[in-house]
Amino acid sequence: MDNYKIKMRSYKKAKQLGVIIRPSLKKNKKIDVFDKNNNFITSIGATGYKDYPSYLLTDPKLAEQKKINYKKRHEKYRNKIGTPSYYADQILWS
């Protein structure tokens, strides 16, 4: 996962949220999220783990199960707008 390529699905989700995403400069993260004025918001997606768009490429049925599991695991914070968990949920797991 060190050579993670942001999927078009993630770019579309980011655009819907009104944010910009780029490959992360942090070694252990996949994506950096910025606001419309190019101000850094957060880094999301741990390297070494797949995300929903990645699973979709190989096994859509498994992707759906992984998405359900992710959402259950992160229920406490994923709906709090502005948190890293929110952006990960909306960009990598929707």
PDB file of N, CA and C in Angstrom:
ATOM      1  N   MET A   1       0.814  -1.204   0.000  1.00  0.00           N
ATOM      2  CA  MET A   1       0.000   0.000   0.000  1.00  0.00           C
ATOM      3  C   MET A   1       0.858   1.269   0.000  1.00  0.00           C
ATOM      4  N   ASP A   2       2.173   1.127   0.045  1.00  0.00           N
ATOM      5  CA  ASP A   2       3.037   2.312   0.069  1.00  0.00           C
ATOM      6  C   ASP A   2       2.852   3.173  -1.170  1.00  0.00           C
ATOM      7  N   ASN A   3       2.487   2.573  -2.287  1.00  0.00           N
ATOM      8  CA  ASN A   3       2.294   3.314  -3.526  1.00  0.00           C
ATOM      9  C   ASN A   3       0.807   3.543  -3.787  1.00  0.00           C
ATOM     10  N   TYR A   4       0.098   3.950  -2.774  1.00  0.00           N
ATOM     11  CA  TYR A   4      -1.348   4.129  -2.887  1.00  0.00           C
ATOM     12  C   TYR A   4      -1.681   5.202  -3.915  1.00  0.00           C
ATOM     13  N   LYS A   5      -2.603   4.864  -4.794  1.00  0.00           N
ATOM     14  CA  LYS A   5      -3.106   5.804  -5.797  1.00  0.00           C
ATOM     15  C   LYS A   5      -4.542   6.159  -5.415  1.00  0.00           C
ATOM     16  N   ILE A   6      -4.805   7.433  -5.285  1.00  0.00           N
ATOM     17  CA  ILE A   6      -6.160   7.873  -4.943  1.00  0.00           C
ATOM     18  C   ILE A   6      -7.093   7.500  -6.094  1.00  0.00           C
ATOM     19  N   LYS A   7      -8.199   6.872  -5.750  1.00  0.00           N
ATOM     20  CA  LYS A   7      -9.160   6.423  -6.755  1.00  0.00           C
ATOM     21  C   LYS A   7     -10.080   7.578  -7.155  1.00  0.00           C
ATOM     22  N   MET A   8     -10.582   7.515  -8.404  1.00  0.00           N
ATOM     23  CA  MET A   8     -11.473   8.551  -8.919  1.00  0.00           C
ATOM     24  C   MET A   8     -12.702   8.710  -8.026  1.00  0.00           C
ATOM     25  N   ARG A   9     -13.192   7.614  -7.468  1.00  0.00           N
ATOM     26  CA  ARG A   9     -14.339   7.658  -6.556  1.00  0.00           C
ATOM     27  C   ARG A   9     -14.056   8.587  -5.377  1.00  0.00           C
ATOM     28  N   SER A  10     -12.842   8.522  -4.840  1.00  0.00           N
ATOM     29  CA  SER A  10     -12.477   9.379  -3.702  1.00  0.00           C
ATOM     30  C   SER A  10     -12.412  10.843  -4.110  1.00  0.00           C
ATOM     31  N   TYR A  11     -11.890  11.114  -5.311  1.00  0.00           N
ATOM     32  CA  TYR A  11     -11.866  12.503  -5.796  1.00  0.00           C
ATOM     33  C   TYR A  11     -13.285  13.052  -5.930  1.00  0.00           C
ATOM     34  N   LYS A  12     -14.192  12.222  -6.436  1.00  0.00           N
ATOM     35  CA  LYS A  12     -15.588  12.658  -6.597  1.00  0.00           C
ATOM     36  C   LYS A  12     -16.245  12.927  -5.245  1.00  0.00           C
ATOM     37  N   LYS A  13     -15.992  12.047  -4.273  1.00  0.00           N
ATOM     38  CA  LYS A  13     -16.555  12.231  -2.932  1.00  0.00           C
ATOM     39  C   LYS A  13     -16.017  13.517  -2.297  1.00  0.00           C
ATOM     40  N   ALA A  14     -14.734  13.764  -2.473  1.00  0.00           N
ATOM     41  CA  ALA A  14     -14.125  14.980  -1.922  1.00  0.00           C
ATOM     42  C   ALA A  14     -14.761  16.222  -2.550  1.00  0.00           C
ATOM     43  N   LYS A  15     -14.964  16.176  -3.851  1.00  0.00           N
ATOM     44  CA  LYS A  15     -15.575  17.318  -4.539  1.00  0.00           C
ATOM     45  C   LYS A  15     -16.978  17.588  -4.003  1.00  0.00           C
ATOM     46  N   GLN A  16     -17.746  16.523  -3.732  1.00  0.00           N
ATOM     47  CA  GLN A  16     -19.088  16.674  -3.168  1.00  0.00           C
ATOM     48  C   GLN A  16     -19.045  17.336  -1.793  1.00  0.00           C
ATOM     49  N   LEU A  17     -17.977  17.081  -1.050  1.00  0.00           N
ATOM     50  CA  LEU A  17     -17.815  17.671   0.283  1.00  0.00           C
ATOM     51  C   LEU A  17     -17.252  19.091   0.227  1.00  0.00           C
ATOM     52  N   GLY A  18     -16.767  19.496  -0.942  1.00  0.00           N
ATOM     53  CA  GLY A  18     -16.181  20.825  -1.076  1.00  0.00           C
ATOM     54  C   GLY A  18     -14.752  20.903  -0.571  1.00  0.00           C
ATOM     55  N   VAL A  19     -14.044  19.767  -0.593  1.00  0.00           N
ATOM     56  CA  VAL A  19     -12.648  19.745  -0.165  1.00  0.00           C
ATOM     57  C   VAL A  19     -11.765  19.230  -1.307  1.00  0.00           C
ATOM     58  N   ILE A  20     -10.481  19.441  -1.147  1.00  0.00           N
ATOM     59  CA  ILE A  20      -9.478  18.997  -2.116  1.00  0.00           C
ATOM     60  C   ILE A  20      -8.663  17.894  -1.456  1.00  0.00           C
ATOM     61  N   ILE A  21      -8.359  16.845  -2.210  1.00  0.00           N
ATOM     62  CA  ILE A  21      -7.512  15.788  -1.657  1.00  0.00           C
ATOM     63  C   ILE A  21      -6.270  15.593  -2.525  1.00  0.00           C
ATOM     64  N   ARG A  22      -5.204  15.215  -1.849  1.00  0.00           N
ATOM     65  CA  ARG A  22      -3.921  14.947  -2.508  1.00  0.00           C
ATOM     66  C   ARG A  22      -3.254  13.773  -1.794  1.00  0.00           C
ATOM     67  N   PRO A  23      -2.321  13.114  -2.478  1.00  0.00           N
ATOM     68  CA  PRO A  23      -1.563  12.066  -1.778  1.00  0.00           C
ATOM     69  C   PRO A  23      -0.907  12.663  -0.531  1.00  0.00           C
ATOM     70  N   SER A  24      -0.965  11.916   0.551  1.00  0.00           N
ATOM     71  CA  SER A  24      -0.457  12.438   1.818  1.00  0.00           C
ATOM     72  C   SER A  24       1.059  12.553   1.836  1.00  0.00           C
ATOM     73  N   LEU A  25       1.526  13.580   2.500  1.00  0.00           N
ATOM     74  CA  LEU A  25       2.960  13.747   2.724  1.00  0.00           C
ATOM     75  C   LEU A  25       3.412  12.987   3.966  1.00  0.00           C
ATOM     76  N   LYS A  26       2.440  12.504   4.754  1.00  0.00           N
ATOM     77  CA  LYS A  26       2.761  11.716   5.946  1.00  0.00           C
ATOM     78  C   LYS A  26       2.980  10.264   5.529  1.00  0.00           C
ATOM     79  N   LYS A  27       4.034   9.689   6.020  1.00  0.00           N
ATOM     80  CA  LYS A  27       4.417   8.334   5.628  1.00  0.00           C
ATOM     81  C   LYS A  27       3.333   7.295   5.912  1.00  0.00           C
ATOM     82  N   ASN A  28       2.605   7.448   6.996  1.00  0.00           N
ATOM     83  CA  ASN A  28       1.636   6.440   7.406  1.00  0.00           C
ATOM     84  C   ASN A  28       0.195   6.739   6.984  1.00  0.00           C
ATOM     85  N   LYS A  29      -0.013   7.756   6.145  1.00  0.00           N
ATOM     86  CA  LYS A  29      -1.364   8.127   5.703  1.00  0.00           C
ATOM     87  C   LYS A  29      -1.457   8.114   4.178  1.00  0.00           C
ATOM     88  N   LYS A  30      -2.674   7.915   3.664  1.00  0.00           N
ATOM     89  CA  LYS A  30      -2.908   7.849   2.223  1.00  0.00           C
ATOM     90  C   LYS A  30      -3.208   9.214   1.604  1.00  0.00           C
ATOM     91  N   ILE A  31      -4.050   9.990   2.296  1.00  0.00           N
ATOM     92  CA  ILE A  31      -4.619  11.203   1.695  1.00  0.00           C
ATOM     93  C   ILE A  31      -4.551  12.376   2.662  1.00  0.00           C
ATOM     94  N   ASP A  32      -4.208  13.539   2.123  1.00  0.00           N
ATOM     95  CA  ASP A  32      -4.299  14.792   2.866  1.00  0.00           C
ATOM     96  C   ASP A  32      -5.523  15.538   2.342  1.00  0.00           C
ATOM     97  N   VAL A  33      -6.282  16.115   3.253  1.00  0.00           N
ATOM     98  CA  VAL A  33      -7.521  16.825   2.922  1.00  0.00           C
ATOM     99  C   VAL A  33      -7.302  18.317   3.180  1.00  0.00           C
ATOM    100  N   PHE A  34      -7.736  19.137   2.203  1.00  0.00           N
ATOM    101  CA  PHE A  34      -7.586  20.601   2.275  1.00  0.00           C
ATOM    102  C   PHE A  34      -8.930  21.260   1.997  1.00  0.00           C
ATOM    103  N   ASP A  35      -9.128  22.458   2.561  1.00  0.00           N
ATOM    104  CA  ASP A  35     -10.351  23.198   2.246  1.00  0.00           C
ATOM    105  C   ASP A  35     -10.181  23.905   0.898  1.00  0.00           C
ATOM    106  N   LYS A  36     -11.202  24.637   0.484  1.00  0.00           N
ATOM    107  CA  LYS A  36     -11.182  25.315  -0.822  1.00  0.00           C
ATOM    108  C   LYS A  36     -10.061  26.341  -0.944  1.00  0.00           C
ATOM    109  N   ASN A  37      -9.605  26.861   0.208  1.00  0.00           N
ATOM    110  CA  ASN A  37      -8.520  27.847   0.203  1.00  0.00           C
ATOM    111  C   ASN A  37      -7.152  27.204   0.350  1.00  0.00           C
ATOM    112  N   ASN A  38      -7.115  25.889   0.191  1.00  0.00           N
ATOM    113  CA  ASN A  38      -5.866  25.129   0.251  1.00  0.00           C
ATOM    114  C   ASN A  38      -5.271  25.058   1.654  1.00  0.00           C
ATOM    115  N   ASN A  39      -6.100  25.239   2.674  1.00  0.00           N
ATOM    116  CA  ASN A  39      -5.647  25.088   4.060  1.00  0.00           C
ATOM    117  C   ASN A  39      -5.788  23.624   4.467  1.00  0.00           C
ATOM    118  N   PHE A  40      -4.745  23.082   5.046  1.00  0.00           N
ATOM    119  CA  PHE A  40      -4.749  21.690   5.483  1.00  0.00           C
ATOM    120  C   PHE A  40      -5.820  21.462   6.544  1.00  0.00           C
ATOM    121  N   ILE A  41      -6.571  20.376   6.384  1.00  0.00           N
ATOM    122  CA  ILE A  41      -7.586  19.998   7.375  1.00  0.00           C
ATOM    123  C   ILE A  41      -7.099  18.791   8.171  1.00  0.00           C
ATOM    124  N   THR A  42      -6.792  17.700   7.467  1.00  0.00           N
ATOM    125  CA  THR A  42      -6.385  16.473   8.148  1.00  0.00           C
ATOM    126  C   THR A  42      -5.777  15.486   7.157  1.00  0.00           C
ATOM    127  N   SER A  43      -5.208  14.431   7.689  1.00  0.00           N
ATOM    128  CA  SER A  43      -4.741  13.297   6.890  1.00  0.00           C
ATOM    129  C   SER A  43      -5.625  12.109   7.227  1.00  0.00           C
ATOM    130  N   ILE A  44      -5.946  11.308   6.208  1.00  0.00           N
ATOM    131  CA  ILE A  44      -6.833  10.156   6.424  1.00  0.00           C
ATOM    132  C   ILE A  44      -6.285   8.909   5.746  1.00  0.00           C
ATOM    133  N   GLY A  45      -6.781   7.767   6.185  1.00  0.00           N
ATOM    134  CA  GLY A  45      -6.461   6.497   5.562  1.00  0.00           C
ATOM    135  C   GLY A  45      -5.088   5.975   5.913  1.00  0.00           C
ATOM    136  N   ALA A  46      -5.030   5.007   6.771  1.00  0.00           N
ATOM    137  CA  ALA A  46      -3.742   4.413   7.148  1.00  0.00           C
ATOM    138  C   ALA A  46      -3.190   3.581   5.999  1.00  0.00           C
ATOM    139  N   THR A  47      -1.928   3.779   5.694  1.00  0.00           N
ATOM    140  CA  THR A  47      -1.288   2.937   4.694  1.00  0.00           C
ATOM    141  C   THR A  47      -1.201   1.525   5.269  1.00  0.00           C
ATOM    142  N   GLY A  48      -1.195   0.564   4.411  1.00  0.00           N
ATOM    143  CA  GLY A  48      -1.139  -0.810   4.868  1.00  0.00           C
ATOM    144  C   GLY A  48      -2.514  -1.446   4.986  1.00  0.00           C
ATOM    145  N   TYR A  49      -3.571  -0.645   4.832  1.00  0.00           N
ATOM    146  CA  TYR A  49      -4.940  -1.146   4.887  1.00  0.00           C
ATOM    147  C   TYR A  49      -5.675  -0.716   3.624  1.00  0.00           C
ATOM    148  N   LYS A  50      -6.546  -1.568   3.149  1.00  0.00           N
ATOM    149  CA  LYS A  50      -7.366  -1.202   2.000  1.00  0.00           C
ATOM    150  C   LYS A  50      -8.534  -0.339   2.452  1.00  0.00           C
ATOM    151  N   ASP A  51      -9.170   0.308   1.485  1.00  0.00           N
ATOM    152  CA  ASP A  51     -10.371   1.101   1.723  1.00  0.00           C
ATOM    153  C   ASP A  51     -11.448   0.627   0.755  1.00  0.00           C
ATOM    154  N   TYR A  52     -12.627   1.178   0.873  1.00  0.00           N
ATOM    155  CA  TYR A  52     -13.759   0.734   0.055  1.00  0.00           C
ATOM    156  C   TYR A  52     -13.463   0.781  -1.453  1.00  0.00           C
ATOM    157  N   PRO A  53     -12.945   1.888  -1.996  1.00  0.00           N
ATOM    158  CA  PRO A  53     -12.658   1.894  -3.437  1.00  0.00           C
ATOM    159  C   PRO A  53     -11.634   0.833  -3.848  1.00  0.00           C
ATOM    160  N   SER A  54     -10.689   0.527  -2.989  1.00  0.00           N
ATOM    161  CA  SER A  54      -9.691  -0.496  -3.301  1.00  0.00           C
ATOM    162  C   SER A  54     -10.319  -1.889  -3.317  1.00  0.00           C
ATOM    163  N   TYR A  55     -11.159  -2.173  -2.328  1.00  0.00           N
ATOM    164  CA  TYR A  55     -11.851  -3.462  -2.297  1.00  0.00           C
ATOM    165  C   TYR A  55     -12.782  -3.626  -3.489  1.00  0.00           C
ATOM    166  N   LEU A  56     -13.434  -2.540  -3.914  1.00  0.00           N
ATOM    167  CA  LEU A  56     -14.355  -2.610  -5.047  1.00  0.00           C
ATOM    168  C   LEU A  56     -13.677  -3.101  -6.318  1.00  0.00           C
ATOM    169  N   LEU A  57     -12.411  -2.785  -6.465  1.00  0.00           N
ATOM    170  CA  LEU A  57     -11.681  -3.189  -7.669  1.00  0.00           C
ATOM    171  C   LEU A  57     -11.512  -4.701  -7.776  1.00  0.00           C
ATOM    172  N   THR A  58     -11.472  -5.391  -6.650  1.00  0.00           N
ATOM    173  CA  THR A  58     -11.209  -6.825  -6.681  1.00  0.00           C
ATOM    174  C   THR A  58     -12.403  -7.695  -6.281  1.00  0.00           C
ATOM    175  N   ASP A  59     -13.208  -7.226  -5.321  1.00  0.00           N
ATOM    176  CA  ASP A  59     -14.297  -8.057  -4.818  1.00  0.00           C
ATOM    177  C   ASP A  59     -15.418  -7.185  -4.253  1.00  0.00           C
ATOM    178  N   PRO A  60     -16.382  -6.796  -5.089  1.00  0.00           N
ATOM    179  CA  PRO A  60     -17.457  -5.906  -4.632  1.00  0.00           C
ATOM    180  C   PRO A  60     -18.252  -6.440  -3.437  1.00  0.00           C
ATOM    181  N   LYS A  61     -18.449  -7.739  -3.374  1.00  0.00           N
ATOM    182  CA  LYS A  61     -19.198  -8.321  -2.255  1.00  0.00           C
ATOM    183  C   LYS A  61     -18.414  -8.147  -0.951  1.00  0.00           C
ATOM    184  N   LEU A  62     -17.123  -8.418  -0.994  1.00  0.00           N
ATOM    185  CA  LEU A  62     -16.274  -8.219   0.178  1.00  0.00           C
ATOM    186  C   LEU A  62     -16.217  -6.737   0.542  1.00  0.00           C
ATOM    187  N   ALA A  63     -16.177  -5.879  -0.482  1.00  0.00           N
ATOM    188  CA  ALA A  63     -16.138  -4.424  -0.247  1.00  0.00           C
ATOM    189  C   ALA A  63     -17.333  -3.979   0.592  1.00  0.00           C
ATOM    190  N   GLU A  64     -18.512  -4.493   0.279  1.00  0.00           N
ATOM    191  CA  GLU A  64     -19.712  -4.117   1.024  1.00  0.00           C
ATOM    192  C   GLU A  64     -19.625  -4.564   2.481  1.00  0.00           C
ATOM    193  N   GLN A  65     -19.118  -5.768   2.707  1.00  0.00           N
ATOM    194  CA  GLN A  65     -18.989  -6.258   4.075  1.00  0.00           C
ATOM    195  C   GLN A  65     -17.960  -5.446   4.855  1.00  0.00           C
ATOM    196  N   LYS A  66     -16.844  -5.114   4.206  1.00  0.00           N
ATOM    197  CA  LYS A  66     -15.802  -4.306   4.856  1.00  0.00           C
ATOM    198  C   LYS A  66     -16.337  -2.920   5.199  1.00  0.00           C
ATOM    199  N   LYS A  67     -17.159  -2.366   4.310  1.00  0.00           N
ATOM    200  CA  LYS A  67     -17.756  -1.048   4.555  1.00  0.00           C
ATOM    201  C   LYS A  67     -18.679  -1.091   5.773  1.00  0.00           C
ATOM    202  N   ILE A  68     -19.501  -2.108   5.857  1.00  0.00           N
ATOM    203  CA  ILE A  68     -20.395  -2.269   7.014  1.00  0.00           C
ATOM    204  C   ILE A  68     -19.576  -2.361   8.299  1.00  0.00           C
ATOM    205  N   ASN A  69     -18.540  -3.188   8.273  1.00  0.00           N
ATOM    206  CA  ASN A  69     -17.686  -3.368   9.455  1.00  0.00           C
ATOM    207  C   ASN A  69     -16.996  -2.061   9.849  1.00  0.00           C
ATOM    208  N   TYR A  70     -16.488  -1.340   8.857  1.00  0.00           N
ATOM    209  CA  TYR A  70     -15.814  -0.060   9.123  1.00  0.00           C
ATOM    210  C   TYR A  70     -16.782   0.915   9.801  1.00  0.00           C
ATOM    211  N   LYS A  71     -17.960   1.041   9.237  1.00  0.00           N
ATOM    212  CA  LYS A  71     -18.935   2.000   9.763  1.00  0.00           C
ATOM    213  C   LYS A  71     -19.355   1.653  11.188  1.00  0.00           C
ATOM    214  N   LYS A  72     -19.495   0.374  11.482  1.00  0.00           N
ATOM    215  CA  LYS A  72     -19.814  -0.040  12.851  1.00  0.00           C
ATOM    216  C   LYS A  72     -18.676   0.301  13.807  1.00  0.00           C
ATOM    217  N   ARG A  73     -17.460   0.011  13.374  1.00  0.00           N
ATOM    218  CA  ARG A  73     -16.281   0.227  14.214  1.00  0.00           C
ATOM    219  C   ARG A  73     -16.066   1.707  14.526  1.00  0.00           C
ATOM    220  N   HIS A  74     -16.433   2.571  13.607  1.00  0.00           N
ATOM    221  CA  HIS A  74     -16.161   4.002  13.750  1.00  0.00           C
ATOM    222  C   HIS A  74     -17.416   4.833  13.998  1.00  0.00           C
ATOM    223  N   GLU A  75     -18.462   4.195  14.440  1.00  0.00           N
ATOM    224  CA  GLU A  75     -19.749   4.869  14.628  1.00  0.00           C
ATOM    225  C   GLU A  75     -19.669   6.089  15.539  1.00  0.00           C
ATOM    226  N   LYS A  76     -18.837   6.023  16.553  1.00  0.00           N
ATOM    227  CA  LYS A  76     -18.783   7.096  17.546  1.00  0.00           C
ATOM    228  C   LYS A  76     -18.343   8.452  16.966  1.00  0.00           C
ATOM    229  N   TYR A  77     -17.422   8.443  16.010  1.00  0.00           N
ATOM    230  CA  TYR A  77     -16.861   9.706  15.513  1.00  0.00           C
ATOM    231  C   TYR A  77     -17.118  10.003  14.045  1.00  0.00           C
ATOM    232  N   ARG A  78     -17.502   9.017  13.265  1.00  0.00           N
ATOM    233  CA  ARG A  78     -17.574   9.210  11.815  1.00  0.00           C
ATOM    234  C   ARG A  78     -18.643  10.208  11.371  1.00  0.00           C
ATOM    235  N   ASN A  79     -19.595  10.526  12.230  1.00  0.00           N
ATOM    236  CA  ASN A  79     -20.645  11.485  11.877  1.00  0.00           C
ATOM    237  C   ASN A  79     -20.387  12.891  12.412  1.00  0.00           C
ATOM    238  N   LYS A  80     -19.257  13.080  13.079  1.00  0.00           N
ATOM    239  CA  LYS A  80     -18.918  14.402  13.610  1.00  0.00           C
ATOM    240  C   LYS A  80     -18.164  15.189  12.538  1.00  0.00           C
ATOM    241  N   ILE A  81     -18.874  16.112  11.915  1.00  0.00           N
ATOM    242  CA  ILE A  81     -18.322  16.872  10.794  1.00  0.00           C
ATOM    243  C   ILE A  81     -17.022  17.562  11.187  1.00  0.00           C
ATOM    244  N   GLY A  82     -16.041  17.435  10.309  1.00  0.00           N
ATOM    245  CA  GLY A  82     -14.751  18.085  10.516  1.00  0.00           C
ATOM    246  C   GLY A  82     -13.693  17.202  11.145  1.00  0.00           C
ATOM    247  N   THR A  83     -14.093  16.050  11.685  1.00  0.00           N
ATOM    248  CA  THR A  83     -13.103  15.159  12.300  1.00  0.00           C
ATOM    249  C   THR A  83     -12.418  14.320  11.222  1.00  0.00           C
ATOM    250  N   PRO A  84     -11.219  13.835  11.502  1.00  0.00           N
ATOM    251  CA  PRO A  84     -10.571  12.934  10.548  1.00  0.00           C
ATOM    252  C   PRO A  84     -11.453  11.723  10.222  1.00  0.00           C
ATOM    253  N   SER A  85     -12.148  11.214  11.226  1.00  0.00           N
ATOM    254  CA  SER A  85     -13.031  10.063  11.029  1.00  0.00           C
ATOM    255  C   SER A  85     -14.156  10.397  10.044  1.00  0.00           C
ATOM    256  N   TYR A  86     -14.681  11.603  10.127  1.00  0.00           N
ATOM    257  CA  TYR A  86     -15.730  12.043   9.207  1.00  0.00           C
ATOM    258  C   TYR A  86     -15.219  12.034   7.766  1.00  0.00           C
ATOM    259  N   TYR A  87     -14.052  12.623   7.544  1.00  0.00           N
ATOM    260  CA  TYR A  87     -13.512  12.671   6.188  1.00  0.00           C
ATOM    261  C   TYR A  87     -13.145  11.286   5.669  1.00  0.00           C
ATOM    262  N   ALA A  88     -12.606  10.436   6.522  1.00  0.00           N
ATOM    263  CA  ALA A  88     -12.290   9.066   6.112  1.00  0.00           C
ATOM    264  C   ALA A  88     -13.572   8.330   5.724  1.00  0.00           C
ATOM    265  N   ASP A  89     -14.592   8.488   6.531  1.00  0.00           N
ATOM    266  CA  ASP A  89     -15.872   7.840   6.257  1.00  0.00           C
ATOM    267  C   ASP A  89     -16.449   8.321   4.931  1.00  0.00           C
ATOM    268  N   GLN A  90     -16.473   9.616   4.727  1.00  0.00           N
ATOM    269  CA  GLN A  90     -17.097  10.192   3.537  1.00  0.00           C
ATOM    270  C   GLN A  90     -16.290   9.994   2.250  1.00  0.00           C
ATOM    271  N   ILE A  91     -14.972   9.990   2.360  1.00  0.00           N
ATOM    272  CA  ILE A  91     -14.113   9.896   1.174  1.00  0.00           C
ATOM    273  C   ILE A  91     -13.675   8.465   0.889  1.00  0.00           C
ATOM    274  N   LEU A  92     -13.363   7.696   1.924  1.00  0.00           N
ATOM    275  CA  LEU A  92     -12.821   6.360   1.715  1.00  0.00           C
ATOM    276  C   LEU A  92     -13.818   5.227   1.959  1.00  0.00           C
ATOM    277  N   TRP A  93     -14.952   5.504   2.582  1.00  0.00           N
ATOM    278  CA  TRP A  93     -15.867   4.422   2.944  1.00  0.00           C
ATOM    279  C   TRP A  93     -17.328   4.684   2.566  1.00  0.00           C
ATOM    280  N   SER A  94     -17.587   5.595   1.649  1.00  0.00           N
ATOM    281  CA  SER A  94     -18.973   5.840   1.209  1.00  0.00           C
ATOM    282  C   SER A  94     -19.162   5.384  -0.213  1.00  0.00           C
TER     283      SER A  94
END
